[in-house]
Amino acid sequence: MPSLTADCLAAYPMRLMAPKFAKAREISMTDSAGQMFLRLLASQSEVLGWDVQGRIRVKDELLERAGIAETVTLVGKGDGFELWNPKRLAALKADMPEDILAQGARRAGW
């Protein structure tokens, strides 16, 4: 699925996503913003399986959205990972405040 916070694709295990999907089903049918979120999430996500060689195949539409063509950078994020266009990731890193790592560590309680 496209990341909710960055210009990349995000991948998470079903054990992490299942409770989120269950919570999402509680969104009222009259909640237009909530319904739009569900619509976009469903149309821009897919459940992936590993092939016998341990690979995944991401839809071309999602790869295109993330600007991924010939090369990809995989960034681990705890229980999940992100797939990045290497140039987009480099640009993001170049624009980061110098103390972003320290800020993140504080938020994580480190």
C-alpha atoms as a PDB file:
ATOM      1  CA  MET A   1       0.000   0.000   0.000  1.00  0.00           C
ATOM      2  CA  PRO A   2       1.181   3.553  -0.456  1.00  0.00           C
ATOM      3  CA  SER A   3       2.605   4.920   2.761  1.00  0.00           C
ATOM      4  CA  LEU A   4       0.308   7.272   4.654  1.00  0.00           C
ATOM      5  CA  THR A   5       3.215   9.549   5.555  1.00  0.00           C
ATOM      6  CA  ALA A   6       5.894   9.249   2.849  1.00  0.00           C
ATOM      7  CA  ASP A   7       6.352   8.930  -0.912  1.00  0.00           C
ATOM      8  CA  CYS A   8       6.934   5.164  -0.914  1.00  0.00           C
ATOM      9  CA  LEU A   9       5.147   1.832  -0.553  1.00  0.00           C
ATOM     10  CA  ALA A  10       4.589   0.275   2.857  1.00  0.00           C
ATOM     11  CA  ALA A  11       4.337  -3.435   3.613  1.00  0.00           C
ATOM     12  CA  TYR A  12       3.095  -4.932   6.867  1.00  0.00           C
ATOM     13  CA  PRO A  13       2.305  -8.492   7.978  1.00  0.00           C
ATOM     14  CA  MET A  14      -1.342  -9.512   8.150  1.00  0.00           C
ATOM     15  CA  ARG A  15      -1.078 -10.055  11.923  1.00  0.00           C
ATOM     16  CA  LEU A  16      -0.448  -6.317  12.231  1.00  0.00           C
ATOM     17  CA  MET A  17      -3.022  -5.218   9.656  1.00  0.00           C
ATOM     18  CA  ALA A  18      -5.930  -7.498  10.675  1.00  0.00           C
ATOM     19  CA  PRO A  19      -6.772  -5.514  13.843  1.00  0.00           C
ATOM     20  CA  LYS A  20      -6.577  -2.279  11.840  1.00  0.00           C
ATOM     21  CA  PHE A  21      -9.006  -3.680   9.245  1.00  0.00           C
ATOM     22  CA  ALA A  22     -11.341  -4.793  12.038  1.00  0.00           C
ATOM     23  CA  LYS A  23     -11.267  -1.279  13.514  1.00  0.00           C
ATOM     24  CA  ALA A  24     -11.834   0.236  10.057  1.00  0.00           C
ATOM     25  CA  ARG A  25     -15.044  -1.795   9.678  1.00  0.00           C
ATOM     26  CA  GLU A  26     -16.421   0.246  12.585  1.00  0.00           C
ATOM     27  CA  ILE A  27     -16.328   3.468  10.536  1.00  0.00           C
ATOM     28  CA  SER A  28     -19.866   4.710  10.046  1.00  0.00           C
ATOM     29  CA  MET A  29     -21.273   4.574   6.543  1.00  0.00           C
ATOM     30  CA  THR A  30     -22.233   8.246   7.017  1.00  0.00           C
ATOM     31  CA  ASP A  31     -18.642   9.283   7.830  1.00  0.00           C
ATOM     32  CA  SER A  32     -17.625  10.607   4.405  1.00  0.00           C
ATOM     33  CA  ALA A  33     -13.940  11.123   5.284  1.00  0.00           C
ATOM     34  CA  GLY A  34     -13.765   7.661   6.843  1.00  0.00           C
ATOM     35  CA  GLN A  35     -15.448   6.068   3.853  1.00  0.00           C
ATOM     36  CA  MET A  36     -13.072   7.884   1.473  1.00  0.00           C
ATOM     37  CA  PHE A  37     -10.128   6.555   3.503  1.00  0.00           C
ATOM     38  CA  LEU A  38     -11.491   3.005   3.220  1.00  0.00           C
ATOM     39  CA  ARG A  39     -12.134   3.424  -0.496  1.00  0.00           C
ATOM     40  CA  LEU A  40      -8.606   4.682  -1.153  1.00  0.00           C
ATOM     41  CA  LEU A  41      -6.987   2.103   1.109  1.00  0.00           C
ATOM     42  CA  ALA A  42      -8.820  -0.777  -0.559  1.00  0.00           C
ATOM     43  CA  SER A  43      -8.122   0.459  -4.076  1.00  0.00           C
ATOM     44  CA  GLN A  44      -4.413   1.065  -3.434  1.00  0.00           C
ATOM     45  CA  SER A  45      -3.508  -2.005  -1.390  1.00  0.00           C
ATOM     46  CA  GLU A  46      -3.025  -5.668  -1.983  1.00  0.00           C
ATOM     47  CA  VAL A  47      -2.283  -8.777   0.008  1.00  0.00           C
ATOM     48  CA  LEU A  48       1.032 -10.202  -1.148  1.00  0.00           C
ATOM     49  CA  GLY A  49       2.421 -13.672  -0.800  1.00  0.00           C
ATOM     50  CA  TRP A  50       5.990 -14.865  -1.070  1.00  0.00           C
ATOM     51  CA  ASP A  51       6.885 -17.089  -4.012  1.00  0.00           C
ATOM     52  CA  VAL A  52       9.016 -20.224  -3.581  1.00  0.00           C
ATOM     53  CA  GLN A  53      12.170 -18.136  -3.949  1.00  0.00           C
ATOM     54  CA  GLY A  54      11.097 -15.642  -1.261  1.00  0.00           C
ATOM     55  CA  ARG A  55      10.077 -12.852  -3.633  1.00  0.00           C
ATOM     56  CA  ILE A  56       6.957 -10.710  -3.806  1.00  0.00           C
ATOM     57  CA  ARG A  57       5.343  -9.214  -6.887  1.00  0.00           C
ATOM     58  CA  VAL A  58       3.932  -5.719  -6.412  1.00  0.00           C
ATOM     59  CA  LYS A  59       1.344  -4.386  -8.865  1.00  0.00           C
ATOM     60  CA  ASP A  60       2.770  -2.131 -11.555  1.00  0.00           C
ATOM     61  CA  GLU A  61       0.266   0.574 -10.577  1.00  0.00           C
ATOM     62  CA  LEU A  62       1.694   0.729  -7.044  1.00  0.00           C
ATOM     63  CA  LEU A  63       5.294   0.668  -8.264  1.00  0.00           C
ATOM     64  CA  GLU A  64       4.508   3.499 -10.650  1.00  0.00           C
ATOM     65  CA  ARG A  65       2.904   5.556  -7.893  1.00  0.00           C
ATOM     66  CA  ALA A  66       6.078   5.195  -5.803  1.00  0.00           C
ATOM     67  CA  GLY A  67       8.315   5.979  -8.770  1.00  0.00           C
ATOM     68  CA  ILE A  68       9.934   2.549  -8.602  1.00  0.00           C
ATOM     69  CA  ALA A  69      11.195   1.220 -11.917  1.00  0.00           C
ATOM     70  CA  GLU A  70      14.499  -0.610 -12.226  1.00  0.00           C
ATOM     71  CA  THR A  71      15.920  -0.299  -8.717  1.00  0.00           C
ATOM     72  CA  VAL A  72      14.353  -0.243  -5.286  1.00  0.00           C
ATOM     73  CA  THR A  73      15.623   0.481  -1.790  1.00  0.00           C
ATOM     74  CA  LEU A  74      14.117  -1.610   0.984  1.00  0.00           C
ATOM     75  CA  VAL A  75      13.908   0.135   4.365  1.00  0.00           C
ATOM     76  CA  GLY A  76      13.054  -1.979   7.389  1.00  0.00           C
ATOM     77  CA  LYS A  77      10.637  -0.481   9.932  1.00  0.00           C
ATOM     78  CA  GLY A  78      10.163  -2.849  12.837  1.00  0.00           C
ATOM     79  CA  ASP A  79       7.259  -5.119  11.911  1.00  0.00           C
ATOM     80  CA  GLY A  80       7.106  -3.909   8.323  1.00  0.00           C
ATOM     81  CA  PHE A  81       9.194  -2.402   5.567  1.00  0.00           C
ATOM     82  CA  GLU A  82       9.051   0.300   2.912  1.00  0.00           C
ATOM     83  CA  LEU A  83       9.925   0.153  -0.770  1.00  0.00           C
ATOM     84  CA  TRP A  84      11.526   3.363  -2.033  1.00  0.00           C
ATOM     85  CA  ASN A  85      12.700   4.879  -5.270  1.00  0.00           C
ATOM     86  CA  PRO A  86      16.372   5.389  -4.296  1.00  0.00           C
ATOM     87  CA  LYS A  87      16.410   9.008  -5.533  1.00  0.00           C
ATOM     88  CA  ARG A  88      13.264   9.889  -3.579  1.00  0.00           C
ATOM     89  CA  LEU A  89      14.719   8.389  -0.406  1.00  0.00           C
ATOM     90  CA  ALA A  90      17.981  10.299  -0.901  1.00  0.00           C
ATOM     91  CA  ALA A  91      16.022  13.546  -1.389  1.00  0.00           C
ATOM     92  CA  LEU A  92      14.013  12.870   1.760  1.00  0.00           C
ATOM     93  CA  LYS A  93      17.188  12.269   3.753  1.00  0.00           C
ATOM     94  CA  ALA A  94      18.789  15.436   2.354  1.00  0.00           C
ATOM     95  CA  ASP A  95      15.801  17.514   3.530  1.00  0.00           C
ATOM     96  CA  MET A  96      15.656  16.043   7.046  1.00  0.00           C
ATOM     97  CA  PRO A  97      16.440  18.258  10.009  1.00  0.00           C
ATOM     98  CA  GLU A  98      19.781  17.346  11.573  1.00  0.00           C
ATOM     99  CA  ASP A  99      18.158  16.359  14.872  1.00  0.00           C
ATOM    100  CA  ILE A 100      15.398  14.162  13.394  1.00  0.00           C
ATOM    101  CA  LEU A 101      17.001  10.961  14.701  1.00  0.00           C
ATOM    102  CA  ALA A 102      17.130  12.374  18.227  1.00  0.00           C
ATOM    103  CA  GLN A 103      13.521  13.596  17.952  1.00  0.00           C
ATOM    104  CA  GLY A 104      12.359  10.157  16.833  1.00  0.00           C
ATOM    105  CA  ALA A 105      14.298   8.442  19.591  1.00  0.00           C
ATOM    106  CA  ARG A 106      12.634  10.655  22.204  1.00  0.00           C
ATOM    107  CA  ARG A 107       9.167   9.884  20.793  1.00  0.00           C
ATOM    108  CA  ALA A 108       9.955   6.181  20.942  1.00  0.00           C
ATOM    109  CA  GLY A 109      11.004   6.538  24.554  1.00  0.00           C
ATOM    110  CA  TRP A 110      14.693   5.754  23.979  1.00  0.00           C
END
